[in-house]
Amino acid sequence: MSSVDIIRFQENISKLMEVAMSGEEIVITKNETPVLKLTAVSPQKKINRHAGTAKGLVWISEDFDQPLDDFKDYM
């Protein structure tokens, strides 16, 4: 991970973006205090979801929507 002052970052933004896209993290500082981190965004894997793939794995109790005994005082 490298660190660069915000003024130097503004002067070299294109080159530093290329460095970040190659996998290196760059911390941008202002008055020697870290304020930003420049990193590449990794591509997200596409998840193939199909309706009905959890069939039989999920069930709902018959009394799911019935009031709970603990809350009778609040009814």
PDB file of N, CA and C in Angstrom:
ATOM      1  N   MET A   1       0.853  -1.160   0.000  1.00  0.00           N
ATOM      2  CA  MET A   1       0.000   0.000   0.000  1.00  0.00           C
ATOM      3  C   MET A   1       0.904   1.229   0.000  1.00  0.00           C
ATOM      4  N   SER A   2       0.680   2.113  -0.962  1.00  0.00           N
ATOM      5  CA  SER A   2       1.454   3.337  -0.998  1.00  0.00           C
ATOM      6  C   SER A   2       0.604   4.518  -0.554  1.00  0.00           C
ATOM      7  N   SER A   3       1.287   5.579  -0.193  1.00  0.00           N
ATOM      8  CA  SER A   3       0.635   6.771   0.307  1.00  0.00           C
ATOM      9  C   SER A   3       1.078   7.958  -0.533  1.00  0.00           C
ATOM     10  N   VAL A   4       0.133   8.849  -0.843  1.00  0.00           N
ATOM     11  CA  VAL A   4       0.461  10.012  -1.656  1.00  0.00           C
ATOM     12  C   VAL A   4      -0.366  11.203  -1.165  1.00  0.00           C
ATOM     13  N   ASP A   5       0.269  12.379  -1.167  1.00  0.00           N
ATOM     14  CA  ASP A   5      -0.428  13.596  -0.766  1.00  0.00           C
ATOM     15  C   ASP A   5      -1.468  13.972  -1.824  1.00  0.00           C
ATOM     16  N   ILE A   6      -2.527  14.627  -1.393  1.00  0.00           N
ATOM     17  CA  ILE A   6      -3.638  14.940  -2.295  1.00  0.00           C
ATOM     18  C   ILE A   6      -3.207  15.831  -3.460  1.00  0.00           C
ATOM     19  N   ILE A   7      -2.271  16.740  -3.235  1.00  0.00           N
ATOM     20  CA  ILE A   7      -1.771  17.614  -4.312  1.00  0.00           C
ATOM     21  C   ILE A   7      -1.033  16.770  -5.353  1.00  0.00           C
ATOM     22  N   ARG A   8      -0.179  15.870  -4.885  1.00  0.00           N
ATOM     23  CA  ARG A   8       0.560  14.991  -5.802  1.00  0.00           C
ATOM     24  C   ARG A   8      -0.402  14.044  -6.515  1.00  0.00           C
ATOM     25  N   PHE A   9      -1.462  13.606  -5.807  1.00  0.00           N
ATOM     26  CA  PHE A   9      -2.479  12.749  -6.426  1.00  0.00           C
ATOM     27  C   PHE A   9      -3.156  13.477  -7.575  1.00  0.00           C
ATOM     28  N   GLN A  10      -3.522  14.737  -7.364  1.00  0.00           N
ATOM     29  CA  GLN A  10      -4.191  15.511  -8.410  1.00  0.00           C
ATOM     30  C   GLN A  10      -3.290  15.682  -9.630  1.00  0.00           C
ATOM     31  N   GLU A  11      -2.006  15.819  -9.397  1.00  0.00           N
ATOM     32  CA  GLU A  11      -1.060  15.989 -10.507  1.00  0.00           C
ATOM     33  C   GLU A  11      -0.857  14.692 -11.296  1.00  0.00           C
ATOM     34  N   ASN A  12      -0.987  13.547 -10.631  1.00  0.00           N
ATOM     35  CA  ASN A  12      -0.677  12.259 -11.255  1.00  0.00           C
ATOM     36  C   ASN A  12      -1.864  11.304 -11.236  1.00  0.00           C
ATOM     37  N   ILE A  13      -3.068  11.815 -11.330  1.00  0.00           N
ATOM     38  CA  ILE A  13      -4.258  10.978 -11.152  1.00  0.00           C
ATOM     39  C   ILE A  13      -4.324   9.822 -12.150  1.00  0.00           C
ATOM     40  N   SER A  14      -3.978  10.077 -13.392  1.00  0.00           N
ATOM     41  CA  SER A  14      -4.059   9.008 -14.403  1.00  0.00           C
ATOM     42  C   SER A  14      -3.106   7.859 -14.089  1.00  0.00           C
ATOM     43  N   LYS A  15      -1.866   8.197 -13.753  1.00  0.00           N
ATOM     44  CA  LYS A  15      -0.876   7.168 -13.462  1.00  0.00           C
ATOM     45  C   LYS A  15      -1.249   6.404 -12.189  1.00  0.00           C
ATOM     46  N   LEU A  16      -1.718   7.118 -11.161  1.00  0.00           N
ATOM     47  CA  LEU A  16      -2.094   6.463  -9.913  1.00  0.00           C
ATOM     48  C   LEU A  16      -3.344   5.595 -10.085  1.00  0.00           C
ATOM     49  N   MET A  17      -4.245   5.989 -10.968  1.00  0.00           N
ATOM     50  CA  MET A  17      -5.404   5.150 -11.257  1.00  0.00           C
ATOM     51  C   MET A  17      -4.964   3.843 -11.903  1.00  0.00           C
ATOM     52  N   GLU A  18      -4.019   3.896 -12.795  1.00  0.00           N
ATOM     53  CA  GLU A  18      -3.496   2.682 -13.428  1.00  0.00           C
ATOM     54  C   GLU A  18      -2.852   1.767 -12.386  1.00  0.00           C
ATOM     55  N   VAL A  19      -2.118   2.364 -11.448  1.00  0.00           N
ATOM     56  CA  VAL A  19      -1.479   1.585 -10.393  1.00  0.00           C
ATOM     57  C   VAL A  19      -2.550   0.903  -9.541  1.00  0.00           C
ATOM     58  N   ALA A  20      -3.598   1.648  -9.198  1.00  0.00           N
ATOM     59  CA  ALA A  20      -4.680   1.076  -8.378  1.00  0.00           C
ATOM     60  C   ALA A  20      -5.405  -0.033  -9.139  1.00  0.00           C
ATOM     61  N   MET A  21      -5.635   0.150 -10.431  1.00  0.00           N
ATOM     62  CA  MET A  21      -6.326  -0.872 -11.220  1.00  0.00           C
ATOM     63  C   MET A  21      -5.492  -2.143 -11.363  1.00  0.00           C
ATOM     64  N   SER A  22      -4.176  -2.028 -11.175  1.00  0.00           N
ATOM     65  CA  SER A  22      -3.332  -3.218 -11.249  1.00  0.00           C
ATOM     66  C   SER A  22      -3.346  -3.997  -9.938  1.00  0.00           C
ATOM     67  N   GLY A  23      -4.031  -3.460  -8.909  1.00  0.00           N
ATOM     68  CA  GLY A  23      -4.197  -4.212  -7.675  1.00  0.00           C
ATOM     69  C   GLY A  23      -3.611  -3.577  -6.434  1.00  0.00           C
ATOM     70  N   GLU A  24      -2.877  -2.503  -6.575  1.00  0.00           N
ATOM     71  CA  GLU A  24      -2.269  -1.868  -5.403  1.00  0.00           C
ATOM     72  C   GLU A  24      -3.230  -0.862  -4.774  1.00  0.00           C
ATOM     73  N   GLU A  25      -3.235  -0.790  -3.457  1.00  0.00           N
ATOM     74  CA  GLU A  25      -4.044   0.203  -2.754  1.00  0.00           C
ATOM     75  C   GLU A  25      -3.218   1.466  -2.572  1.00  0.00           C
ATOM     76  N   ILE A  26      -3.861   2.609  -2.774  1.00  0.00           N
ATOM     77  CA  ILE A  26      -3.187   3.893  -2.615  1.00  0.00           C
ATOM     78  C   ILE A  26      -3.963   4.706  -1.594  1.00  0.00           C
ATOM     79  N   VAL A  27      -3.281   5.142  -0.543  1.00  0.00           N
ATOM     80  CA  VAL A  27      -3.884   5.983   0.479  1.00  0.00           C
ATOM     81  C   VAL A  27      -3.565   7.425   0.145  1.00  0.00           C
ATOM     82  N   ILE A  28      -4.595   8.255   0.061  1.00  0.00           N
ATOM     83  CA  ILE A  28      -4.426   9.668  -0.258  1.00  0.00           C
ATOM     84  C   ILE A  28      -4.504  10.442   1.052  1.00  0.00           C
ATOM     85  N   THR A  29      -3.489  11.275   1.279  1.00  0.00           N
ATOM     86  CA  THR A  29      -3.404  12.007   2.534  1.00  0.00           C
ATOM     87  C   THR A  29      -3.553  13.500   2.315  1.00  0.00           C
ATOM     88  N   LYS A  30      -3.981  14.171   3.377  1.00  0.00           N
ATOM     89  CA  LYS A  30      -4.039  15.632   3.381  1.00  0.00           C
ATOM     90  C   LYS A  30      -3.429  16.069   4.700  1.00  0.00           C
ATOM     91  N   ASN A  31      -2.360  16.863   4.623  1.00  0.00           N
ATOM     92  CA  ASN A  31      -1.605  17.265   5.817  1.00  0.00           C
ATOM     93  C   ASN A  31      -1.144  16.036   6.606  1.00  0.00           C
ATOM     94  N   GLU A  32      -0.680  15.032   5.889  1.00  0.00           N
ATOM     95  CA  GLU A  32      -0.153  13.782   6.442  1.00  0.00           C
ATOM     96  C   GLU A  32      -1.191  12.947   7.198  1.00  0.00           C
ATOM     97  N   THR A  33      -2.487  13.236   6.974  1.00  0.00           N
ATOM     98  CA  THR A  33      -3.569  12.467   7.581  1.00  0.00           C
ATOM     99  C   THR A  33      -4.293  11.715   6.475  1.00  0.00           C
ATOM    100  N   PRO A  34      -4.456  10.399   6.583  1.00  0.00           N
ATOM    101  CA  PRO A  34      -5.169   9.643   5.542  1.00  0.00           C
ATOM    102  C   PRO A  34      -6.625  10.102   5.436  1.00  0.00           C
ATOM    103  N   VAL A  35      -7.067  10.382   4.201  1.00  0.00           N
ATOM    104  CA  VAL A  35      -8.451  10.818   3.985  1.00  0.00           C
ATOM    105  C   VAL A  35      -9.195   9.930   2.995  1.00  0.00           C
ATOM    106  N   LEU A  36      -8.499   9.287   2.082  1.00  0.00           N
ATOM    107  CA  LEU A  36      -9.135   8.446   1.064  1.00  0.00           C
ATOM    108  C   LEU A  36      -8.267   7.224   0.785  1.00  0.00           C
ATOM    109  N   LYS A  37      -8.924   6.178   0.284  1.00  0.00           N
ATOM    110  CA  LYS A  37      -8.190   5.003  -0.165  1.00  0.00           C
ATOM    111  C   LYS A  37      -8.659   4.688  -1.576  1.00  0.00           C
ATOM    112  N   LEU A  38      -7.735   4.586  -2.499  1.00  0.00           N
ATOM    113  CA  LEU A  38      -8.044   4.275  -3.885  1.00  0.00           C
ATOM    114  C   LEU A  38      -7.732   2.815  -4.139  1.00  0.00           C
ATOM    115  N   THR A  39      -8.752   2.045  -4.502  1.00  0.00           N
ATOM    116  CA  THR A  39      -8.576   0.623  -4.801  1.00  0.00           C
ATOM    117  C   THR A  39      -9.381   0.273  -6.041  1.00  0.00           C
ATOM    118  N   ALA A  40      -9.000  -0.802  -6.655  1.00  0.00           N
ATOM    119  CA  ALA A  40      -9.741  -1.292  -7.820  1.00  0.00           C
ATOM    120  C   ALA A  40     -10.999  -2.012  -7.345  1.00  0.00           C
ATOM    121  N   VAL A  41     -12.031  -1.935  -8.144  1.00  0.00           N
ATOM    122  CA  VAL A  41     -13.274  -2.650  -7.851  1.00  0.00           C
ATOM    123  C   VAL A  41     -13.172  -4.015  -8.510  1.00  0.00           C
ATOM    124  N   SER A  42     -13.292  -5.051  -7.697  1.00  0.00           N
ATOM    125  CA  SER A  42     -13.209  -6.392  -8.266  1.00  0.00           C
ATOM    126  C   SER A  42     -14.555  -6.759  -8.886  1.00  0.00           C
ATOM    127  N   PRO A  43     -14.534  -7.431 -10.013  1.00  0.00           N
ATOM    128  CA  PRO A  43     -15.800  -7.791 -10.672  1.00  0.00           C
ATOM    129  C   PRO A  43     -16.604  -8.744  -9.800  1.00  0.00           C
ATOM    130  N   GLN A  44     -17.903  -8.509  -9.759  1.00  0.00           N
ATOM    131  CA  GLN A  44     -18.768  -9.360  -8.957  1.00  0.00           C
ATOM    132  C   GLN A  44     -19.182 -10.573  -9.776  1.00  0.00           C
ATOM    133  N   LYS A  45     -19.214 -11.709  -9.089  1.00  0.00           N
ATOM    134  CA  LYS A  45     -19.656 -12.924  -9.753  1.00  0.00           C
ATOM    135  C   LYS A  45     -21.171 -12.891  -9.879  1.00  0.00           C
ATOM    136  N   LYS A  46     -21.647 -13.272 -11.030  1.00  0.00           N
ATOM    137  CA  LYS A  46     -23.084 -13.333 -11.242  1.00  0.00           C
ATOM    138  C   LYS A  46     -23.607 -14.637 -10.650  1.00  0.00           C
ATOM    139  N   ILE A  47     -24.597 -14.503  -9.802  1.00  0.00           N
ATOM    140  CA  ILE A  47     -25.183 -15.675  -9.160  1.00  0.00           C
ATOM    141  C   ILE A  47     -26.420 -16.083  -9.954  1.00  0.00           C
ATOM    142  N   ASN A  48     -26.416 -17.309 -10.401  1.00  0.00           N
ATOM    143  CA  ASN A  48     -27.581 -17.823 -11.119  1.00  0.00           C
ATOM    144  C   ASN A  48     -28.621 -18.283 -10.109  1.00  0.00           C
ATOM    145  N   ARG A  49     -29.675 -17.503  -9.995  1.00  0.00           N
ATOM    146  CA  ARG A  49     -30.747 -17.860  -9.069  1.00  0.00           C
ATOM    147  C   ARG A  49     -31.946 -18.305  -9.875  1.00  0.00           C
ATOM    148  N   HIS A  50     -32.544 -19.374  -9.426  1.00  0.00           N
ATOM    149  CA  HIS A  50     -33.706 -19.910 -10.103  1.00  0.00           C
ATOM    150  C   HIS A  50     -34.830 -20.073  -9.092  1.00  0.00           C
ATOM    151  N   ALA A  51     -36.024 -19.714  -9.496  1.00  0.00           N
ATOM    152  CA  ALA A  51     -37.176 -19.862  -8.619  1.00  0.00           C
ATOM    153  C   ALA A  51     -37.384 -21.333  -8.283  1.00  0.00           C
ATOM    154  N   GLY A  52     -37.647 -21.594  -7.016  1.00  0.00           N
ATOM    155  CA  GLY A  52     -37.952 -22.947  -6.591  1.00  0.00           C
ATOM    156  C   GLY A  52     -36.769 -23.780  -6.155  1.00  0.00           C
ATOM    157  N   THR A  53     -35.572 -23.200  -6.088  1.00  0.00           N
ATOM    158  CA  THR A  53     -34.406 -24.004  -5.709  1.00  0.00           C
ATOM    159  C   THR A  53     -34.385 -24.355  -4.223  1.00  0.00           C
ATOM    160  N   ALA A  54     -35.156 -23.649  -3.388  1.00  0.00           N
ATOM    161  CA  ALA A  54     -35.204 -23.959  -1.952  1.00  0.00           C
ATOM    162  C   ALA A  54     -36.489 -24.688  -1.584  1.00  0.00           C
ATOM    163  N   LYS A  55     -37.175 -25.198  -2.571  1.00  0.00           N
ATOM    164  CA  LYS A  55     -38.441 -25.874  -2.319  1.00  0.00           C
ATOM    165  C   LYS A  55     -38.215 -27.058  -1.375  1.00  0.00           C
ATOM    166  N   GLY A  56     -39.016 -27.107  -0.316  1.00  0.00           N
ATOM    167  CA  GLY A  56     -38.904 -28.163   0.672  1.00  0.00           C
ATOM    168  C   GLY A  56     -37.931 -27.853   1.797  1.00  0.00           C
ATOM    169  N   LEU A  57     -37.134 -26.803   1.658  1.00  0.00           N
ATOM    170  CA  LEU A  57     -36.171 -26.441   2.697  1.00  0.00           C
ATOM    171  C   LEU A  57     -36.740 -25.410   3.668  1.00  0.00           C
ATOM    172  N   VAL A  58     -37.727 -24.669   3.247  1.00  0.00           N
ATOM    173  CA  VAL A  58     -38.304 -23.608   4.059  1.00  0.00           C
ATOM    174  C   VAL A  58     -39.754 -23.953   4.352  1.00  0.00           C
ATOM    175  N   TRP A  59     -40.164 -23.758   5.613  1.00  0.00           N
ATOM    176  CA  TRP A  59     -41.548 -24.006   5.973  1.00  0.00           C
ATOM    177  C   TRP A  59     -41.997 -22.953   6.974  1.00  0.00           C
ATOM    178  N   ILE A  60     -43.285 -22.702   7.036  1.00  0.00           N
ATOM    179  CA  ILE A  60     -43.857 -21.731   7.957  1.00  0.00           C
ATOM    180  C   ILE A  60     -44.867 -22.460   8.834  1.00  0.00           C
ATOM    181  N   SER A  61     -44.756 -22.243  10.128  1.00  0.00           N
ATOM    182  CA  SER A  61     -45.641 -22.878  11.095  1.00  0.00           C
ATOM    183  C   SER A  61     -47.085 -22.430  10.870  1.00  0.00           C
ATOM    184  N   GLU A  62     -48.023 -23.289  11.193  1.00  0.00           N
ATOM    185  CA  GLU A  62     -49.449 -22.974  11.032  1.00  0.00           C
ATOM    186  C   GLU A  62     -49.862 -21.774  11.889  1.00  0.00           C
ATOM    187  N   ASP A  63     -49.248 -21.620  13.055  1.00  0.00           N
ATOM    188  CA  ASP A  63     -49.617 -20.515  13.939  1.00  0.00           C
ATOM    189  C   ASP A  63     -48.666 -19.317  13.807  1.00  0.00           C
ATOM    190  N   PHE A  64     -48.060 -19.169  12.664  1.00  0.00           N
ATOM    191  CA  PHE A  64     -47.077 -18.110  12.432  1.00  0.00           C
ATOM    192  C   PHE A  64     -47.618 -16.723  12.748  1.00  0.00           C
ATOM    193  N   ASP A  65     -48.838 -16.432  12.318  1.00  0.00           N
ATOM    194  CA  ASP A  65     -49.378 -15.091  12.496  1.00  0.00           C
ATOM    195  C   ASP A  65     -50.302 -14.949  13.711  1.00  0.00           C
ATOM    196  N   GLN A  66     -50.292 -15.913  14.596  1.00  0.00           N
ATOM    197  CA  GLN A  66     -51.087 -15.837  15.822  1.00  0.00           C
ATOM    198  C   GLN A  66     -50.349 -15.001  16.865  1.00  0.00           C
ATOM    199  N   PRO A  67     -51.098 -14.260  17.712  1.00  0.00           N
ATOM    200  CA  PRO A  67     -50.440 -13.452  18.754  1.00  0.00           C
ATOM    201  C   PRO A  67     -49.686 -14.341  19.737  1.00  0.00           C
ATOM    202  N   LEU A  68     -48.563 -13.837  20.215  1.00  0.00           N
ATOM    203  CA  LEU A  68     -47.755 -14.559  21.182  1.00  0.00           C
ATOM    204  C   LEU A  68     -48.334 -14.380  22.580  1.00  0.00           C
ATOM    205  N   ASP A  69     -48.259 -15.420  23.410  1.00  0.00           N
ATOM    206  CA  ASP A  69     -48.783 -15.361  24.769  1.00  0.00           C
ATOM    207  C   ASP A  69     -48.086 -14.276  25.595  1.00  0.00           C
ATOM    208  N   ASP A  70     -46.829 -14.047  25.340  1.00  0.00           N
ATOM    209  CA  ASP A  70     -46.074 -13.056  26.106  1.00  0.00           C
ATOM    210  C   ASP A  70     -46.571 -11.625  25.892  1.00  0.00           C
ATOM    211  N   PHE A  71     -47.295 -11.393  24.815  1.00  0.00           N
ATOM    212  CA  PHE A  71     -47.730 -10.043  24.495  1.00  0.00           C
ATOM    213  C   PHE A  71     -49.214  -9.807  24.707  1.00  0.00           C
ATOM    214  N   LYS A  72     -49.893 -10.689  25.404  1.00  0.00           N
ATOM    215  CA  LYS A  72     -51.331 -10.531  25.648  1.00  0.00           C
ATOM    216  C   LYS A  72     -51.631  -9.261  26.438  1.00  0.00           C
ATOM    217  N   ASP A  73     -50.721  -8.848  27.324  1.00  0.00           N
ATOM    218  CA  ASP A  73     -50.942  -7.644  28.116  1.00  0.00           C
ATOM    219  C   ASP A  73     -50.946  -6.384  27.252  1.00  0.00           C
ATOM    220  N   TYR A  74     -50.332  -6.440  26.101  1.00  0.00           N
ATOM    221  CA  TYR A  74     -50.233  -5.280  25.217  1.00  0.00           C
ATOM    222  C   TYR A  74     -51.347  -5.199  24.190  1.00  0.00           C
ATOM    223  N   MET A  75     -52.185  -6.201  24.133  1.00  0.00           N
ATOM    224  CA  MET A  75     -53.240  -6.250  23.118  1.00  0.00           C
ATOM    225  C   MET A  75     -54.468  -5.464  23.575  1.00  0.00           C
TER     226      MET A  75
END
